[in-house]
Each structure stands twice: as C-alpha cells, then as structure tokens.
Amino acid sequence: MTASFRRFILALGISLSFAGLALPAAAQGGPIGIVVMHGKGGSPTKHVADLAAALKDQGLLVANLEMPWSGRREYDVPVSQAVAEVELALTTLREQGAQKLFVAGHSQGGLFTLYLGGQLKVDGLIAMAPGGSAGSKVYREKLADAMTEARRLVAQGKGHEKTRLMDYESARGSYPIVVAPATYLSWFDPAGAMNQSTALSKLNPAIPVLLIVPTRDYPGLLRLKQETADALPRHPQTRLYEPDATHLEAPTASAPEIIRWIRAVAGGR
C-alpha cells in the first residue's frame, strides 16, 4: 500500500466518522485556519502530512510549514524569526477568510506551539508529543560542549559565521549541524525560549490547549506527561489526550480527536 493511498484511506475514514458532524466551517461560525508544524529534522511531507490532509478534508484552511528545525534548514534563523514565520502564516490564513485560528505542532513543533502560546493570540493550541526542551537535564548534558563553543564564538564576534555544532534527539542521539552560533544559542540556551517549563509558565491562560501524549511515546516524555498537564493554565476546554500510538504516529493517530476538539473550541462548546 502506497503512502498516498494510506493518506487517502485515513482521510476517507475520518470523513466517514464525522458524516453527521463535519459541517462546512462557515456553517459553524466562520472558516477555521490552522498552522501545522513538524518535528525536529522533519518536514511537512513526513509525520504531519496525514494530519494536514485530514484537516483540509474537513474544510479547514491549513498552513503546513517547514520550520527552522527541519532537516533541510538546520536552524537557519533564530527563534524570533520562527515566531514571525508563524505569525505571517496566521495573517495569511486570516486574509483567506479564517475567523478562528489554531496552531498545532509535533515533537519539537509541539514545544514551540507551547512557546507560541505566550507570544501570539490564537484560539487554541495543539501540542502533539512535545519534546526537545533545552532546559532538560539530558539536553544540558549532551549539548554542554557545543553551548560553550557557541558562546566562545559569539564573544569573539563570530556569532553569525556558520560552524559545526551539535544537536540531540532521543531517537538519534547527538549529531552535527551547521549553524550560526548566535542562532544556535537562541534555540538551545537552557534558560531560553525552548525551555519547556518557562514556555508553560508564560502561556496565555485564555488560550485552551489540547495536549497529546501517545501511550507509546519515548520514556522520558512519558515521565513528563503529568507534570506538563498539571502546568497548563486552567481552562475549561484544555484537554489531555492519550492515543495508542508511538511518538512518530501521534499526529496521524490523533487526527479525529484534533478535529473534534477544534470544532468544539471554534464553536464555543
């Protein structure tokens, strides 16, 4: 079975599941727009592709972005520019007619989604298996030497000259990337934007969150599940959803629940 056929079956299954529910977006108070972000080293055509297709099938306006942490881009811009990229995508969706706006991200994109909850005004956030916190013990240990080197180069006035530094991912371990030291620090400083605890503490309490933690996620992320859920601001529409899936399967496995939740939030239910 080809990947495109699997996506077709998934979209068809979701469409049938919502046969009595999935009214056109305009019939539920106006079109809905959503930004979708992939995980570390990924792309819009990998693990979030089925989700993006399912959302489009349900009539949502979708911006499936390639983010700076993709395998191709290797952190080519700092965090502030990544925020601007998402903000531009949201503006474009609004110009296309979207009256309710959501942001969804997988893995590192999930963590960035939580960070954006303190930066941008949207109607809801979907954090799928969020991971990659620069403030975690494993990141501080694995990237300590690279952080020291990046700081040294910035101090020498070489902060914008690309060089070889290290990244880390649970499934891959440590691996090299080529990046400007100043940009690297904006992403990996333990006290910076990608510290999950800090991001959670700065979430806008008016924005509901759908936190997705698959039952077969990486052990380290599973251990953080309750701590993360407890740190979310109290909102009547904030939810923890636990699909029977692996880390990489989470976006596809969660598509029906994501659609249900978005419809409920957008409709004020």
C-alpha atoms as a PDB file:
ATOM      1  CA  MET A   1       0.000   0.000   0.000  1.00  0.00           C
ATOM      2  CA  THR A   2       1.488   3.339  -1.062  1.00  0.00           C
ATOM      3  CA  ALA A   3       1.814   6.302   1.290  1.00  0.00           C
ATOM      4  CA  SER A   4      -0.598   8.347  -0.827  1.00  0.00           C
ATOM      5  CA  PHE A   5      -3.186   5.551  -0.708  1.00  0.00           C
ATOM      6  CA  ARG A   6      -2.783   5.261   3.082  1.00  0.00           C
ATOM      7  CA  ARG A   7      -3.410   9.012   3.354  1.00  0.00           C
ATOM      8  CA  PHE A   8      -6.493   8.638   1.171  1.00  0.00           C
ATOM      9  CA  ILE A   9      -7.847   5.859   3.377  1.00  0.00           C
ATOM     10  CA  LEU A  10      -7.131   7.878   6.517  1.00  0.00           C
ATOM     11  CA  ALA A  11      -8.875  10.960   5.147  1.00  0.00           C
ATOM     12  CA  LEU A  12     -11.824   8.863   3.959  1.00  0.00           C
ATOM     13  CA  GLY A  13     -12.112   7.176   7.354  1.00  0.00           C
ATOM     14  CA  ILE A  14     -12.114  10.480   9.176  1.00  0.00           C
ATOM     15  CA  SER A  15     -14.645  11.910   6.727  1.00  0.00           C
ATOM     16  CA  LEU A  16     -16.995   8.998   7.314  1.00  0.00           C
ATOM     17  CA  SER A  17     -16.516   9.202  11.082  1.00  0.00           C
ATOM     18  CA  PHE A  18     -17.767  12.769  11.022  1.00  0.00           C
ATOM     19  CA  ALA A  19     -20.515  12.279   8.434  1.00  0.00           C
ATOM     20  CA  GLY A  20     -23.112  13.764  10.748  1.00  0.00           C
ATOM     21  CA  LEU A  21     -20.827  16.334  12.347  1.00  0.00           C
ATOM     22  CA  ALA A  22     -18.444  17.817   9.810  1.00  0.00           C
ATOM     23  CA  LEU A  23     -20.476  20.730   8.512  1.00  0.00           C
ATOM     24  CA  PRO A  24     -18.603  23.241   6.370  1.00  0.00           C
ATOM     25  CA  ALA A  25     -16.530  25.522   8.557  1.00  0.00           C
ATOM     26  CA  ALA A  26     -18.588  28.536   7.510  1.00  0.00           C
ATOM     27  CA  ALA A  27     -21.697  26.894   8.939  1.00  0.00           C
ATOM     28  CA  GLN A  28     -20.114  26.805  12.386  1.00  0.00           C
ATOM     29  CA  GLY A  29     -19.375  30.496  12.795  1.00  0.00           C
ATOM     30  CA  GLY A  30     -16.816  31.046  10.049  1.00  0.00           C
ATOM     31  CA  PRO A  31     -13.839  29.350   8.437  1.00  0.00           C
ATOM     32  CA  ILE A  32     -11.144  27.856  10.656  1.00  0.00           C
ATOM     33  CA  GLY A  33      -7.432  28.238   9.936  1.00  0.00           C
ATOM     34  CA  ILE A  34      -4.613  26.161  11.398  1.00  0.00           C
ATOM     35  CA  VAL A  35      -0.826  26.250  11.239  1.00  0.00           C
ATOM     36  CA  VAL A  36       0.782  22.785  11.386  1.00  0.00           C
ATOM     37  CA  MET A  37       4.440  22.310  12.362  1.00  0.00           C
ATOM     38  CA  HIS A  38       6.556  19.175  12.029  1.00  0.00           C
ATOM     39  CA  GLY A  39       9.119  17.780  14.461  1.00  0.00           C
ATOM     40  CA  LYS A  40      12.896  18.042  14.679  1.00  0.00           C
ATOM     41  CA  GLY A  41      14.679  17.049  11.486  1.00  0.00           C
ATOM     42  CA  GLY A  42      11.334  16.505   9.789  1.00  0.00           C
ATOM     43  CA  SER A  43       9.350  18.249   7.091  1.00  0.00           C
ATOM     44  CA  PRO A  44       5.740  18.994   6.128  1.00  0.00           C
ATOM     45  CA  THR A  45       5.698  15.851   3.987  1.00  0.00           C
ATOM     46  CA  LYS A  46       6.589  13.405   6.770  1.00  0.00           C
ATOM     47  CA  HIS A  47       4.825  12.644  10.052  1.00  0.00           C
ATOM     48  CA  VAL A  48       2.367  15.563   9.980  1.00  0.00           C
ATOM     49  CA  ALA A  49       1.335  15.077   6.342  1.00  0.00           C
ATOM     50  CA  ASP A  50      -1.637  12.801   7.093  1.00  0.00           C
ATOM     51  CA  LEU A  51      -2.919  15.181   9.749  1.00  0.00           C
ATOM     52  CA  ALA A  52      -2.668  18.176   7.405  1.00  0.00           C
ATOM     53  CA  ALA A  53      -4.538  16.220   4.708  1.00  0.00           C
ATOM     54  CA  ALA A  54      -7.284  15.215   7.170  1.00  0.00           C
ATOM     55  CA  LEU A  55      -7.717  18.816   8.336  1.00  0.00           C
ATOM     56  CA  LYS A  56      -8.022  20.019   4.740  1.00  0.00           C
ATOM     57  CA  ASP A  57     -10.518  17.224   4.050  1.00  0.00           C
ATOM     58  CA  GLN A  58     -12.678  18.657   6.832  1.00  0.00           C
ATOM     59  CA  GLY A  59     -12.695  22.094   5.222  1.00  0.00           C
ATOM     60  CA  LEU A  60     -10.084  23.808   7.376  1.00  0.00           C
ATOM     61  CA  LEU A  61      -7.604  26.274   5.906  1.00  0.00           C
ATOM     62  CA  VAL A  62      -4.188  24.719   6.549  1.00  0.00           C
ATOM     63  CA  ALA A  63      -0.664  26.164   6.504  1.00  0.00           C
ATOM     64  CA  ASN A  64       1.701  23.171   6.798  1.00  0.00           C
ATOM     65  CA  LEU A  65       5.000  24.951   7.383  1.00  0.00           C
ATOM     66  CA  GLU A  66       8.630  23.934   7.035  1.00  0.00           C
ATOM     67  CA  MET A  67      10.153  25.252  10.244  1.00  0.00           C
ATOM     68  CA  PRO A  68      13.777  26.235  11.018  1.00  0.00           C
ATOM     69  CA  TRP A  69      14.419  22.888  12.770  1.00  0.00           C
ATOM     70  CA  SER A  70      13.732  20.859   9.617  1.00  0.00           C
ATOM     71  CA  GLY A  71      16.397  18.553   8.240  1.00  0.00           C
ATOM     72  CA  ARG A  72      16.957  20.910   5.324  1.00  0.00           C
ATOM     73  CA  ARG A  73      17.051  24.239   7.183  1.00  0.00           C
ATOM     74  CA  GLU A  74      19.194  23.308  10.224  1.00  0.00           C
ATOM     75  CA  TYR A  75      18.181  26.309  12.367  1.00  0.00           C
ATOM     76  CA  ASP A  76      18.829  28.887   9.663  1.00  0.00           C
ATOM     77  CA  VAL A  77      17.047  31.644  11.602  1.00  0.00           C
ATOM     78  CA  PRO A  78      16.704  32.463  15.327  1.00  0.00           C
ATOM     79  CA  VAL A  79      13.620  31.868  17.446  1.00  0.00           C
ATOM     80  CA  SER A  80      12.298  35.389  16.884  1.00  0.00           C
ATOM     81  CA  GLN A  81      12.217  34.848  13.133  1.00  0.00           C
ATOM     82  CA  ALA A  82      10.468  31.500  13.553  1.00  0.00           C
ATOM     83  CA  VAL A  83       7.761  33.285  15.545  1.00  0.00           C
ATOM     84  CA  ALA A  84       7.466  35.795  12.699  1.00  0.00           C
ATOM     85  CA  GLU A  85       7.067  32.960  10.173  1.00  0.00           C
ATOM     86  CA  VAL A  86       4.146  31.506  12.106  1.00  0.00           C
ATOM     87  CA  GLU A  87       2.634  34.949  12.613  1.00  0.00           C
ATOM     88  CA  LEU A  88       2.816  35.575   8.854  1.00  0.00           C
ATOM     89  CA  ALA A  89       1.129  32.235   8.170  1.00  0.00           C
ATOM     90  CA  LEU A  90      -1.669  33.120  10.615  1.00  0.00           C
ATOM     91  CA  THR A  91      -2.100  36.503   8.936  1.00  0.00           C
ATOM     92  CA  THR A  92      -2.340  34.800   5.552  1.00  0.00           C
ATOM     93  CA  LEU A  93      -4.969  32.381   6.867  1.00  0.00           C
ATOM     94  CA  ARG A  94      -6.929  35.312   8.243  1.00  0.00           C
ATOM     95  CA  GLU A  95      -6.718  37.049   4.857  1.00  0.00           C
ATOM     96  CA  GLN A  96      -8.049  33.852   3.273  1.00  0.00           C
ATOM     97  CA  GLY A  97     -11.124  34.148   5.474  1.00  0.00           C
ATOM     98  CA  ALA A  98     -10.255  32.286   8.665  1.00  0.00           C
ATOM     99  CA  GLN A  99     -12.145  33.642  11.655  1.00  0.00           C
ATOM    100  CA  LYS A 100     -10.767  31.172  14.202  1.00  0.00           C
ATOM    101  CA  LEU A 101      -7.048  30.388  14.289  1.00  0.00           C
ATOM    102  CA  PHE A 102      -5.191  27.413  15.768  1.00  0.00           C
ATOM    103  CA  VAL A 103      -1.566  26.269  15.949  1.00  0.00           C
ATOM    104  CA  ALA A 104      -0.557  22.591  16.047  1.00  0.00           C
ATOM    105  CA  GLY A 105       2.943  21.185  16.382  1.00  0.00           C
ATOM    106  CA  HIS A 106       4.544  17.754  16.713  1.00  0.00           C
ATOM    107  CA  SER A 107       7.551  16.919  18.929  1.00  0.00           C
ATOM    108  CA  GLN A 108       9.814  19.995  18.833  1.00  0.00           C
ATOM    109  CA  GLY A 109       6.977  21.659  16.960  1.00  0.00           C
ATOM    110  CA  GLY A 110       4.778  20.778  19.936  1.00  0.00           C
ATOM    111  CA  LEU A 111       7.141  22.516  22.316  1.00  0.00           C
ATOM    112  CA  PHE A 112       7.303  25.516  20.007  1.00  0.00           C
ATOM    113  CA  THR A 113       3.496  25.543  19.964  1.00  0.00           C
ATOM    114  CA  LEU A 114       3.532  25.933  23.749  1.00  0.00           C
ATOM    115  CA  TYR A 115       6.074  28.749  23.444  1.00  0.00           C
ATOM    116  CA  LEU A 116       3.868  30.498  20.882  1.00  0.00           C
ATOM    117  CA  GLY A 117       1.029  30.394  23.393  1.00  0.00           C
ATOM    118  CA  GLY A 118       2.830  33.167  25.237  1.00  0.00           C
ATOM    119  CA  GLN A 119       3.710  35.113  22.082  1.00  0.00           C
ATOM    120  CA  LEU A 120       0.721  35.122  19.737  1.00  0.00           C
ATOM    121  CA  LYS A 121      -3.040  35.474  20.040  1.00  0.00           C
ATOM    122  CA  VAL A 122      -4.808  32.373  18.714  1.00  0.00           C
ATOM    123  CA  ASP A 123      -7.974  30.471  19.578  1.00  0.00           C
ATOM    124  CA  GLY A 124      -6.325  27.172  20.503  1.00  0.00           C
ATOM    125  CA  LEU A 125      -3.073  25.223  20.685  1.00  0.00           C
ATOM    126  CA  ILE A 126      -2.452  21.545  19.875  1.00  0.00           C
ATOM    127  CA  ALA A 127       0.832  20.214  21.282  1.00  0.00           C
ATOM    128  CA  MET A 128       1.459  16.693  19.959  1.00  0.00           C
ATOM    129  CA  ALA A 129       4.086  14.729  21.901  1.00  0.00           C
ATOM    130  CA  PRO A 130       6.018  17.921  22.770  1.00  0.00           C
ATOM    131  CA  GLY A 131       9.716  17.357  23.305  1.00  0.00           C
ATOM    132  CA  GLY A 132      13.177  18.819  22.944  1.00  0.00           C
ATOM    133  CA  SER A 133      13.281  21.093  25.976  1.00  0.00           C
ATOM    134  CA  ALA A 134      16.653  22.831  26.095  1.00  0.00           C
ATOM    135  CA  GLY A 135      16.264  23.083  29.851  1.00  0.00           C
ATOM    136  CA  SER A 136      16.078  19.329  30.424  1.00  0.00           C
ATOM    137  CA  LYS A 137      18.948  17.515  32.097  1.00  0.00           C
ATOM    138  CA  VAL A 138      19.709  15.379  29.046  1.00  0.00           C
ATOM    139  CA  TYR A 139      19.950  18.400  26.747  1.00  0.00           C
ATOM    140  CA  ARG A 140      22.150  20.312  29.157  1.00  0.00           C
ATOM    141  CA  GLU A 141      24.489  17.318  29.363  1.00  0.00           C
ATOM    142  CA  LYS A 142      24.538  16.354  25.690  1.00  0.00           C
ATOM    143  CA  LEU A 143      24.973  19.892  24.360  1.00  0.00           C
ATOM    144  CA  ALA A 144      27.188  21.388  27.085  1.00  0.00           C
ATOM    145  CA  ASP A 145      30.363  21.440  24.958  1.00  0.00           C
ATOM    146  CA  ALA A 146      28.519  22.862  21.945  1.00  0.00           C
ATOM    147  CA  MET A 147      26.975  25.585  24.082  1.00  0.00           C
ATOM    148  CA  THR A 148      30.401  26.533  25.438  1.00  0.00           C
ATOM    149  CA  GLU A 149      31.808  26.697  21.910  1.00  0.00           C
ATOM    150  CA  ALA A 150      28.864  28.760  20.624  1.00  0.00           C
ATOM    151  CA  ARG A 151      29.252  31.260  23.451  1.00  0.00           C
ATOM    152  CA  ARG A 152      33.010  31.488  22.805  1.00  0.00           C
ATOM    153  CA  LEU A 153      32.446  32.233  19.112  1.00  0.00           C
ATOM    154  CA  VAL A 154      29.821  34.877  19.870  1.00  0.00           C
ATOM    155  CA  ALA A 155      32.197  36.554  22.327  1.00  0.00           C
ATOM    156  CA  GLN A 156      34.841  36.623  19.560  1.00  0.00           C
ATOM    157  CA  GLY A 157      32.459  38.400  17.197  1.00  0.00           C
ATOM    158  CA  LYS A 158      31.833  35.289  15.097  1.00  0.00           C
ATOM    159  CA  GLY A 159      28.234  34.773  16.116  1.00  0.00           C
ATOM    160  CA  HIS A 160      26.906  34.952  12.557  1.00  0.00           C
ATOM    161  CA  GLU A 161      29.546  32.737  10.913  1.00  0.00           C
ATOM    162  CA  LYS A 162      28.143  29.240  10.426  1.00  0.00           C
ATOM    163  CA  THR A 163      30.079  26.419  12.051  1.00  0.00           C
ATOM    164  CA  ARG A 164      29.674  22.816  13.126  1.00  0.00           C
ATOM    165  CA  LEU A 165      27.811  22.391  16.421  1.00  0.00           C
ATOM    166  CA  MET A 166      25.754  19.574  17.924  1.00  0.00           C
ATOM    167  CA  ASP A 167      22.065  18.805  18.169  1.00  0.00           C
ATOM    168  CA  TYR A 168      20.383  15.980  20.092  1.00  0.00           C
ATOM    169  CA  GLU A 169      17.279  13.835  19.663  1.00  0.00           C
ATOM    170  CA  SER A 170      16.119  10.826  21.663  1.00  0.00           C
ATOM    171  CA  ALA A 171      15.859   8.572  18.615  1.00  0.00           C
ATOM    172  CA  ARG A 172      19.194   9.642  17.071  1.00  0.00           C
ATOM    173  CA  GLY A 173      21.439  10.692  19.921  1.00  0.00           C
ATOM    174  CA  SER A 174      23.870  13.562  19.294  1.00  0.00           C
ATOM    175  CA  TYR A 175      24.614  14.626  15.735  1.00  0.00           C
ATOM    176  CA  PRO A 176      26.270  17.601  13.994  1.00  0.00           C
ATOM    177  CA  ILE A 177      24.528  20.547  12.392  1.00  0.00           C
ATOM    178  CA  VAL A 178      25.960  23.589  10.609  1.00  0.00           C
ATOM    179  CA  VAL A 179      24.545  26.749  12.146  1.00  0.00           C
ATOM    180  CA  ALA A 180      25.434  30.312  13.176  1.00  0.00           C
ATOM    181  CA  PRO A 181      26.437  30.309  16.878  1.00  0.00           C
ATOM    182  CA  ALA A 182      24.161  33.227  17.808  1.00  0.00           C
ATOM    183  CA  THR A 183      21.207  31.486  16.189  1.00  0.00           C
ATOM    184  CA  TYR A 184      22.161  28.223  17.887  1.00  0.00           C
ATOM    185  CA  LEU A 185      22.093  29.914  21.286  1.00  0.00           C
ATOM    186  CA  SER A 186      18.609  31.291  20.644  1.00  0.00           C
ATOM    187  CA  TRP A 187      17.360  27.707  20.263  1.00  0.00           C
ATOM    188  CA  PHE A 188      19.466  25.785  22.768  1.00  0.00           C
ATOM    189  CA  ASP A 189      20.173  28.127  25.672  1.00  0.00           C
ATOM    190  CA  PRO A 190      18.807  26.180  28.673  1.00  0.00           C
ATOM    191  CA  ALA A 191      17.223  29.361  30.016  1.00  0.00           C
ATOM    192  CA  GLY A 192      15.889  30.446  26.624  1.00  0.00           C
ATOM    193  CA  ALA A 193      12.744  30.137  24.554  1.00  0.00           C
ATOM    194  CA  MET A 194      12.852  26.349  24.194  1.00  0.00           C
ATOM    195  CA  ASN A 195      12.843  25.642  27.905  1.00  0.00           C
ATOM    196  CA  GLN A 196       9.503  23.865  28.329  1.00  0.00           C
ATOM    197  CA  SER A 197       8.970  24.908  31.931  1.00  0.00           C
ATOM    198  CA  THR A 198       9.428  28.560  31.012  1.00  0.00           C
ATOM    199  CA  ALA A 199       7.150  28.229  27.975  1.00  0.00           C
ATOM    200  CA  LEU A 200       4.425  26.653  30.093  1.00  0.00           C
ATOM    201  CA  SER A 201       4.707  29.361  32.739  1.00  0.00           C
ATOM    202  CA  LYS A 202       4.148  32.062  30.101  1.00  0.00           C
ATOM    203  CA  LEU A 203       1.143  30.504  28.361  1.00  0.00           C
ATOM    204  CA  ASN A 204      -1.807  32.828  27.901  1.00  0.00           C
ATOM    205  CA  PRO A 205      -4.460  31.379  30.239  1.00  0.00           C
ATOM    206  CA  ALA A 206      -7.207  32.458  27.828  1.00  0.00           C
ATOM    207  CA  ILE A 207      -5.982  30.003  25.173  1.00  0.00           C
ATOM    208  CA  PRO A 208      -7.110  26.352  25.524  1.00  0.00           C
ATOM    209  CA  VAL A 209      -4.578  23.586  24.887  1.00  0.00           C
ATOM    210  CA  LEU A 210      -5.020  20.071  23.538  1.00  0.00           C
ATOM    211  CA  LEU A 211      -2.002  18.226  24.950  1.00  0.00           C
ATOM    212  CA  ILE A 212      -1.391  14.933  23.174  1.00  0.00           C
ATOM    213  CA  VAL A 213       0.857  12.325  24.802  1.00  0.00           C
ATOM    214  CA  PRO A 214       0.760   8.960  23.000  1.00  0.00           C
ATOM    215  CA  THR A 215       0.800   5.876  25.194  1.00  0.00           C
ATOM    216  CA  ARG A 216       3.974   4.583  23.494  1.00  0.00           C
ATOM    217  CA  ASP A 217       5.884   7.866  23.468  1.00  0.00           C
ATOM    218  CA  TYR A 218       9.577   7.991  24.404  1.00  0.00           C
ATOM    219  CA  PRO A 219      10.029   7.061  28.096  1.00  0.00           C
ATOM    220  CA  GLY A 220      11.425  10.446  29.045  1.00  0.00           C
ATOM    221  CA  LEU A 221       8.427  12.253  27.578  1.00  0.00           C
ATOM    222  CA  LEU A 222       6.012   9.838  29.233  1.00  0.00           C
ATOM    223  CA  ARG A 223       7.590  10.629  32.593  1.00  0.00           C
ATOM    224  CA  LEU A 224       6.861  14.313  31.983  1.00  0.00           C
ATOM    225  CA  LYS A 225       3.221  13.749  30.974  1.00  0.00           C
ATOM    226  CA  GLN A 226       1.520  14.606  34.249  1.00  0.00           C
ATOM    227  CA  GLU A 227       3.930  17.395  35.105  1.00  0.00           C
ATOM    228  CA  THR A 228       3.246  19.005  31.722  1.00  0.00           C
ATOM    229  CA  ALA A 229      -0.517  18.554  32.024  1.00  0.00           C
ATOM    230  CA  ASP A 230      -0.552  19.997  35.542  1.00  0.00           C
ATOM    231  CA  ALA A 231       1.424  23.050  34.395  1.00  0.00           C
ATOM    232  CA  LEU A 232      -1.126  24.059  31.770  1.00  0.00           C
ATOM    233  CA  PRO A 233      -3.267  27.048  32.731  1.00  0.00           C
ATOM    234  CA  ARG A 234      -6.731  26.062  33.891  1.00  0.00           C
ATOM    235  CA  HIS A 235      -9.164  26.439  31.000  1.00  0.00           C
ATOM    236  CA  PRO A 236     -12.463  24.556  30.606  1.00  0.00           C
ATOM    237  CA  GLN A 237     -11.522  23.352  27.123  1.00  0.00           C
ATOM    238  CA  THR A 238      -7.942  22.295  27.851  1.00  0.00           C
ATOM    239  CA  ARG A 239      -7.572  18.524  27.459  1.00  0.00           C
ATOM    240  CA  LEU A 240      -5.020  15.722  27.769  1.00  0.00           C
ATOM    241  CA  TYR A 241      -5.461  13.127  25.014  1.00  0.00           C
ATOM    242  CA  GLU A 242      -3.543   9.822  25.042  1.00  0.00           C
ATOM    243  CA  PRO A 243      -3.822   7.905  21.760  1.00  0.00           C
ATOM    244  CA  ASP A 244      -2.493   4.363  21.453  1.00  0.00           C
ATOM    245  CA  ALA A 245       0.476   5.327  19.293  1.00  0.00           C
ATOM    246  CA  THR A 246       4.216   5.901  19.177  1.00  0.00           C
ATOM    247  CA  HIS A 247       5.882   9.301  19.168  1.00  0.00           C
ATOM    248  CA  LEU A 248       6.013   9.418  15.370  1.00  0.00           C
ATOM    249  CA  GLU A 249       2.483   8.072  14.929  1.00  0.00           C
ATOM    250  CA  ALA A 250       0.902  10.659  17.220  1.00  0.00           C
ATOM    251  CA  PRO A 251      -0.215  13.210  14.575  1.00  0.00           C
ATOM    252  CA  THR A 252      -1.980  10.634  12.389  1.00  0.00           C
ATOM    253  CA  ALA A 253      -3.488   8.726  15.316  1.00  0.00           C
ATOM    254  CA  SER A 254      -4.808  11.947  16.872  1.00  0.00           C
ATOM    255  CA  ALA A 255      -6.376  13.443  13.757  1.00  0.00           C
ATOM    256  CA  PRO A 256     -10.024  12.582  14.594  1.00  0.00           C
ATOM    257  CA  GLU A 257      -9.683  13.903  18.157  1.00  0.00           C
ATOM    258  CA  ILE A 258      -7.908  17.048  16.955  1.00  0.00           C
ATOM    259  CA  ILE A 259     -10.748  17.752  14.529  1.00  0.00           C
ATOM    260  CA  ARG A 260     -13.380  17.157  17.211  1.00  0.00           C
ATOM    261  CA  TRP A 261     -11.577  19.429  19.664  1.00  0.00           C
ATOM    262  CA  ILE A 262     -11.050  22.233  17.147  1.00  0.00           C
ATOM    263  CA  ARG A 263     -14.726  22.147  16.184  1.00  0.00           C
ATOM    264  CA  ALA A 264     -15.752  22.292  19.843  1.00  0.00           C
ATOM    265  CA  VAL A 265     -13.425  25.193  20.660  1.00  0.00           C
ATOM    266  CA  ALA A 266     -14.276  27.122  17.489  1.00  0.00           C
ATOM    267  CA  GLY A 267     -17.977  26.606  18.142  1.00  0.00           C
ATOM    268  CA  GLY A 268     -17.710  27.690  21.764  1.00  0.00           C
ATOM    269  CA  ARG A 269     -18.866  24.313  23.102  1.00  0.00           C
END
